[in-house]
Amino acid sequence: MALLITGFTKCGLCGEVIEAHHQFHSFAAFIPPGHRLHGFSDASVHQSCLLNCEDYQGLMHLYAGYQQIYERRPLPSPEEAKNFTHWYNNSEDIKSWQAELAQFWSQNS
């Protein structure tokens, strides 16, 4: 998720500082480099700027699709978590999930 420090972080759309009383939206780093909407990845924006952005509908569609896939990500058992790197690098479930995510981005680039 984007790091937002009110009074310091600038809106990724208008460039103005996001203050504590502003409504805002922060995105996770979910869009791969090279995608035309990558600028929203790991970014915070004023809610009003987002709602008025010409890419709003497309961005929300991508975010919803990504969230659905992300929520299905495999998680290790407590025993597997003790050696997370080994589990992650050798899990067929992870490989399948990564393929699903890659397919999503190939269809939405």
N, C-alpha and C. Protein backbone atom coordinates (compact mmCIF):
# COMPACT_ATOMS: atom_id res chain seq x y z
N MET A 1 0.86 -1.18 0.00
CA MET A 1 0.00 0.00 0.00
C MET A 1 0.90 1.23 0.00
N ALA A 2 0.46 2.24 -0.67
CA ALA A 2 1.21 3.49 -0.72
C ALA A 2 1.38 4.08 0.67
N LEU A 3 2.52 4.62 0.92
CA LEU A 3 2.78 5.32 2.18
C LEU A 3 2.25 6.75 2.03
N LEU A 4 1.36 7.14 2.92
CA LEU A 4 0.77 8.48 2.86
C LEU A 4 1.08 9.20 4.17
N ILE A 5 1.71 10.33 4.05
CA ILE A 5 1.97 11.19 5.21
C ILE A 5 1.20 12.49 4.96
N THR A 6 0.10 12.66 5.69
CA THR A 6 -0.71 13.85 5.47
C THR A 6 0.12 15.11 5.72
N GLY A 7 -0.13 16.10 4.89
CA GLY A 7 0.61 17.35 4.98
C GLY A 7 1.94 17.30 4.24
N PHE A 8 2.26 16.14 3.66
CA PHE A 8 3.53 15.99 2.95
C PHE A 8 3.35 15.29 1.59
N THR A 9 2.60 14.17 1.58
CA THR A 9 2.42 13.40 0.36
C THR A 9 1.61 14.19 -0.66
N LYS A 10 2.07 14.18 -1.90
CA LYS A 10 1.37 14.87 -2.98
C LYS A 10 0.46 13.92 -3.73
N CYS A 11 -0.67 14.44 -4.15
CA CYS A 11 -1.62 13.70 -4.96
C CYS A 11 -0.94 13.31 -6.28
N GLY A 12 -1.08 12.04 -6.65
CA GLY A 12 -0.49 11.57 -7.90
C GLY A 12 -1.14 12.14 -9.15
N LEU A 13 -2.27 12.81 -9.00
CA LEU A 13 -2.94 13.40 -10.16
C LEU A 13 -2.76 14.91 -10.26
N CYS A 14 -3.05 15.63 -9.19
CA CYS A 14 -2.99 17.10 -9.27
C CYS A 14 -1.67 17.67 -8.74
N GLY A 15 -0.94 16.88 -7.97
CA GLY A 15 0.34 17.34 -7.43
C GLY A 15 0.24 18.16 -6.16
N GLU A 16 -0.97 18.43 -5.70
CA GLU A 16 -1.16 19.19 -4.46
C GLU A 16 -1.00 18.24 -3.26
N VAL A 17 -0.61 18.80 -2.13
CA VAL A 17 -0.41 18.02 -0.91
C VAL A 17 -1.75 17.49 -0.42
N ILE A 18 -1.76 16.25 0.05
CA ILE A 18 -2.95 15.65 0.65
C ILE A 18 -2.93 15.97 2.14
N GLU A 19 -3.91 16.74 2.58
CA GLU A 19 -3.99 17.16 3.98
C GLU A 19 -4.87 16.17 4.76
N ALA A 20 -4.78 16.22 6.09
CA ALA A 20 -5.50 15.29 6.96
C ALA A 20 -7.02 15.36 6.76
N HIS A 21 -7.55 16.50 6.41
CA HIS A 21 -9.00 16.63 6.24
C HIS A 21 -9.47 16.27 4.82
N HIS A 22 -8.56 15.92 3.94
CA HIS A 22 -8.93 15.53 2.57
C HIS A 22 -9.33 14.06 2.51
N GLN A 23 -10.28 13.76 1.67
CA GLN A 23 -10.58 12.37 1.37
C GLN A 23 -9.61 11.92 0.29
N PHE A 24 -9.10 10.71 0.43
CA PHE A 24 -8.09 10.24 -0.51
C PHE A 24 -8.23 8.74 -0.72
N HIS A 25 -7.52 8.24 -1.72
CA HIS A 25 -7.45 6.80 -1.98
C HIS A 25 -5.99 6.45 -2.19
N SER A 26 -5.54 5.39 -1.56
CA SER A 26 -4.18 4.89 -1.74
C SER A 26 -4.24 3.53 -2.39
N PHE A 27 -3.41 3.33 -3.39
CA PHE A 27 -3.36 2.07 -4.12
C PHE A 27 -2.13 1.26 -3.72
N ALA A 28 -2.28 -0.03 -3.73
CA ALA A 28 -1.13 -0.93 -3.56
C ALA A 28 -0.30 -0.88 -4.85
N ALA A 29 0.87 -1.44 -4.79
CA ALA A 29 1.71 -1.55 -5.99
C ALA A 29 1.19 -2.73 -6.79
N PHE A 30 0.14 -2.50 -7.56
CA PHE A 30 -0.54 -3.61 -8.22
C PHE A 30 -0.45 -3.61 -9.74
N ILE A 31 -0.04 -2.51 -10.34
CA ILE A 31 0.02 -2.43 -11.80
C ILE A 31 1.47 -2.59 -12.24
N PRO A 32 1.74 -3.52 -13.16
CA PRO A 32 3.12 -3.76 -13.56
C PRO A 32 3.73 -2.59 -14.34
N PRO A 33 5.05 -2.43 -14.26
CA PRO A 33 5.73 -1.40 -15.04
C PRO A 33 5.42 -1.59 -16.53
N GLY A 34 5.32 -0.49 -17.22
CA GLY A 34 5.02 -0.53 -18.65
C GLY A 34 3.54 -0.40 -18.96
N HIS A 35 2.69 -0.66 -18.00
CA HIS A 35 1.25 -0.50 -18.21
C HIS A 35 0.94 0.99 -18.21
N ARG A 36 0.02 1.42 -19.05
CA ARG A 36 -0.26 2.86 -19.16
C ARG A 36 -0.78 3.48 -17.86
N LEU A 37 -1.33 2.67 -16.94
CA LEU A 37 -1.84 3.20 -15.67
C LEU A 37 -0.89 2.91 -14.50
N HIS A 38 0.33 2.55 -14.81
CA HIS A 38 1.30 2.21 -13.76
C HIS A 38 1.51 3.35 -12.76
N GLY A 39 1.29 4.58 -13.15
CA GLY A 39 1.45 5.73 -12.26
C GLY A 39 0.55 5.68 -11.04
N PHE A 40 -0.53 4.91 -11.11
CA PHE A 40 -1.41 4.76 -9.96
C PHE A 40 -0.90 3.71 -8.97
N SER A 41 0.01 2.88 -9.44
CA SER A 41 0.52 1.81 -8.60
C SER A 41 1.36 2.40 -7.46
N ASP A 42 1.04 2.01 -6.23
CA ASP A 42 1.74 2.49 -5.04
C ASP A 42 1.65 4.01 -4.91
N ALA A 43 0.47 4.55 -5.21
CA ALA A 43 0.27 6.00 -5.19
C ALA A 43 -0.98 6.37 -4.38
N SER A 44 -1.01 7.61 -3.92
CA SER A 44 -2.17 8.17 -3.24
C SER A 44 -2.68 9.35 -4.05
N VAL A 45 -4.01 9.49 -4.08
CA VAL A 45 -4.63 10.58 -4.83
C VAL A 45 -5.82 11.11 -4.04
N HIS A 46 -6.14 12.38 -4.26
CA HIS A 46 -7.36 12.94 -3.68
C HIS A 46 -8.56 12.17 -4.26
N GLN A 47 -9.54 11.92 -3.44
CA GLN A 47 -10.75 11.23 -3.92
C GLN A 47 -11.40 12.02 -5.05
N SER A 48 -11.46 13.34 -4.91
CA SER A 48 -12.09 14.16 -5.95
C SER A 48 -11.31 14.09 -7.26
N CYS A 49 -9.99 14.05 -7.18
CA CYS A 49 -9.18 13.93 -8.40
C CYS A 49 -9.42 12.59 -9.07
N LEU A 50 -9.48 11.54 -8.26
CA LEU A 50 -9.71 10.20 -8.79
C LEU A 50 -11.06 10.11 -9.48
N LEU A 51 -12.10 10.63 -8.85
CA LEU A 51 -13.44 10.55 -9.42
C LEU A 51 -13.56 11.34 -10.72
N ASN A 52 -12.74 12.36 -10.89
CA ASN A 52 -12.77 13.18 -12.10
C ASN A 52 -11.75 12.75 -13.15
N CYS A 53 -10.99 11.72 -12.85
CA CYS A 53 -9.95 11.24 -13.76
C CYS A 53 -10.58 10.49 -14.93
N GLU A 54 -10.12 10.76 -16.13
CA GLU A 54 -10.68 10.08 -17.31
C GLU A 54 -10.43 8.57 -17.28
N ASP A 55 -9.45 8.12 -16.53
CA ASP A 55 -9.14 6.69 -16.43
C ASP A 55 -9.82 6.01 -15.25
N TYR A 56 -10.71 6.72 -14.56
CA TYR A 56 -11.32 6.20 -13.34
C TYR A 56 -11.97 4.83 -13.53
N GLN A 57 -12.86 4.71 -14.51
CA GLN A 57 -13.57 3.44 -14.72
C GLN A 57 -12.61 2.30 -15.04
N GLY A 58 -11.69 2.54 -15.92
CA GLY A 58 -10.71 1.51 -16.28
C GLY A 58 -9.82 1.12 -15.11
N LEU A 59 -9.42 2.10 -14.34
CA LEU A 59 -8.59 1.85 -13.17
C LEU A 59 -9.33 1.02 -12.13
N MET A 60 -10.58 1.37 -11.87
CA MET A 60 -11.37 0.63 -10.89
C MET A 60 -11.64 -0.80 -11.36
N HIS A 61 -11.81 -0.98 -12.66
CA HIS A 61 -11.99 -2.32 -13.22
C HIS A 61 -10.72 -3.15 -12.98
N LEU A 62 -9.57 -2.57 -13.26
CA LEU A 62 -8.31 -3.27 -13.03
C LEU A 62 -8.11 -3.60 -11.56
N TYR A 63 -8.39 -2.63 -10.71
CA TYR A 63 -8.19 -2.82 -9.28
C TYR A 63 -9.10 -3.92 -8.74
N ALA A 64 -10.35 -3.94 -9.18
CA ALA A 64 -11.29 -4.98 -8.73
C ALA A 64 -10.84 -6.36 -9.21
N GLY A 65 -10.41 -6.46 -10.46
CA GLY A 65 -9.93 -7.73 -10.99
C GLY A 65 -8.69 -8.22 -10.27
N TYR A 66 -7.78 -7.30 -10.02
CA TYR A 66 -6.56 -7.65 -9.29
C TYR A 66 -6.91 -8.12 -7.87
N GLN A 67 -7.80 -7.39 -7.20
CA GLN A 67 -8.18 -7.75 -5.83
C GLN A 67 -8.77 -9.15 -5.76
N GLN A 68 -9.59 -9.52 -6.75
CA GLN A 68 -10.18 -10.86 -6.77
C GLN A 68 -9.10 -11.93 -6.85
N ILE A 69 -8.12 -11.71 -7.69
CA ILE A 69 -7.02 -12.67 -7.82
C ILE A 69 -6.16 -12.66 -6.56
N TYR A 70 -5.87 -11.49 -6.04
CA TYR A 70 -5.03 -11.37 -4.85
C TYR A 70 -5.65 -12.10 -3.66
N GLU A 71 -6.96 -11.99 -3.52
CA GLU A 71 -7.64 -12.64 -2.40
C GLU A 71 -7.59 -14.17 -2.49
N ARG A 72 -7.31 -14.70 -3.67
CA ARG A 72 -7.18 -16.14 -3.85
C ARG A 72 -5.74 -16.63 -3.72
N ARG A 73 -4.84 -15.74 -3.34
CA ARG A 73 -3.43 -16.13 -3.26
C ARG A 73 -3.25 -17.25 -2.23
N PRO A 74 -2.39 -18.20 -2.53
CA PRO A 74 -2.13 -19.28 -1.58
C PRO A 74 -1.35 -18.74 -0.38
N LEU A 75 -1.64 -19.30 0.76
CA LEU A 75 -0.94 -18.94 1.98
C LEU A 75 -0.34 -20.20 2.59
N PRO A 76 0.84 -20.09 3.16
CA PRO A 76 1.47 -21.27 3.74
C PRO A 76 0.81 -21.68 5.05
N SER A 77 0.93 -22.95 5.35
CA SER A 77 0.50 -23.42 6.66
C SER A 77 1.50 -22.90 7.68
N PRO A 78 1.19 -22.94 8.97
CA PRO A 78 2.16 -22.50 9.97
C PRO A 78 3.50 -23.23 9.85
N GLU A 79 3.45 -24.51 9.53
CA GLU A 79 4.70 -25.27 9.38
C GLU A 79 5.48 -24.80 8.15
N GLU A 80 4.77 -24.59 7.04
CA GLU A 80 5.43 -24.11 5.81
C GLU A 80 5.98 -22.70 5.98
N ALA A 81 5.31 -21.90 6.79
CA ALA A 81 5.74 -20.52 7.01
C ALA A 81 7.09 -20.44 7.71
N LYS A 82 7.47 -21.49 8.40
CA LYS A 82 8.78 -21.50 9.07
C LYS A 82 9.92 -21.43 8.06
N ASN A 83 9.67 -21.92 6.88
CA ASN A 83 10.66 -21.83 5.80
C ASN A 83 9.95 -21.25 4.57
N PHE A 84 9.51 -20.01 4.74
CA PHE A 84 8.66 -19.35 3.74
C PHE A 84 9.30 -19.33 2.36
N THR A 85 10.57 -18.98 2.28
CA THR A 85 11.23 -18.85 0.98
C THR A 85 11.18 -20.18 0.22
N HIS A 86 11.48 -21.25 0.90
CA HIS A 86 11.44 -22.57 0.26
C HIS A 86 10.01 -22.87 -0.21
N TRP A 87 9.03 -22.64 0.66
CA TRP A 87 7.64 -22.89 0.30
C TRP A 87 7.26 -22.06 -0.92
N TYR A 88 7.56 -20.77 -0.88
CA TYR A 88 7.16 -19.86 -1.96
C TYR A 88 7.80 -20.27 -3.28
N ASN A 89 9.08 -20.61 -3.25
CA ASN A 89 9.80 -20.95 -4.48
C ASN A 89 9.46 -22.33 -5.03
N ASN A 90 8.82 -23.19 -4.25
CA ASN A 90 8.56 -24.55 -4.68
C ASN A 90 7.09 -24.93 -4.70
N SER A 91 6.22 -24.03 -4.33
CA SER A 91 4.79 -24.33 -4.25
C SER A 91 4.13 -24.32 -5.63
N GLU A 92 3.48 -25.41 -5.96
CA GLU A 92 2.73 -25.48 -7.22
C GLU A 92 1.53 -24.53 -7.16
N ASP A 93 0.98 -24.33 -5.97
CA ASP A 93 -0.13 -23.39 -5.81
C ASP A 93 0.31 -21.96 -6.14
N ILE A 94 1.51 -21.59 -5.70
CA ILE A 94 2.04 -20.26 -6.01
C ILE A 94 2.26 -20.12 -7.51
N LYS A 95 2.84 -21.14 -8.12
CA LYS A 95 3.09 -21.08 -9.57
C LYS A 95 1.78 -20.93 -10.34
N SER A 96 0.75 -21.63 -9.93
CA SER A 96 -0.55 -21.53 -10.58
C SER A 96 -1.15 -20.14 -10.38
N TRP A 97 -1.04 -19.62 -9.16
CA TRP A 97 -1.56 -18.28 -8.86
C TRP A 97 -0.81 -17.22 -9.67
N GLN A 98 0.51 -17.35 -9.76
CA GLN A 98 1.29 -16.40 -10.54
C GLN A 98 0.90 -16.45 -12.02
N ALA A 99 0.62 -17.64 -12.53
CA ALA A 99 0.18 -17.78 -13.92
C ALA A 99 -1.17 -17.09 -14.13
N GLU A 100 -2.06 -17.23 -13.15
CA GLU A 100 -3.37 -16.57 -13.23
C GLU A 100 -3.19 -15.04 -13.25
N LEU A 101 -2.31 -14.54 -12.40
CA LEU A 101 -2.04 -13.10 -12.36
C LEU A 101 -1.41 -12.63 -13.67
N ALA A 102 -0.47 -13.39 -14.20
CA ALA A 102 0.16 -13.03 -15.48
C ALA A 102 -0.87 -13.00 -16.61
N GLN A 103 -1.79 -13.96 -16.61
CA GLN A 103 -2.83 -13.99 -17.62
C GLN A 103 -3.74 -12.77 -17.50
N PHE A 104 -4.08 -12.40 -16.27
CA PHE A 104 -4.90 -11.21 -16.05
C PHE A 104 -4.24 -9.98 -16.67
N TRP A 105 -2.94 -9.81 -16.41
CA TRP A 105 -2.26 -8.62 -16.93
C TRP A 105 -2.07 -8.69 -18.44
N SER A 106 -1.87 -9.88 -18.99
CA SER A 106 -1.75 -9.96 -20.44
C SER A 106 -3.07 -9.61 -21.13
N GLN A 107 -4.19 -9.89 -20.46
CA GLN A 107 -5.49 -9.56 -21.01
C GLN A 107 -5.90 -8.12 -20.74
N ASN A 108 -5.20 -7.46 -19.83
CA ASN A 108 -5.58 -6.09 -19.43
C ASN A 108 -4.47 -5.08 -19.61
N SER A 109 -3.61 -5.33 -20.58
CA SER A 109 -2.52 -4.38 -20.86
C SER A 109 -2.81 -3.56 -22.08
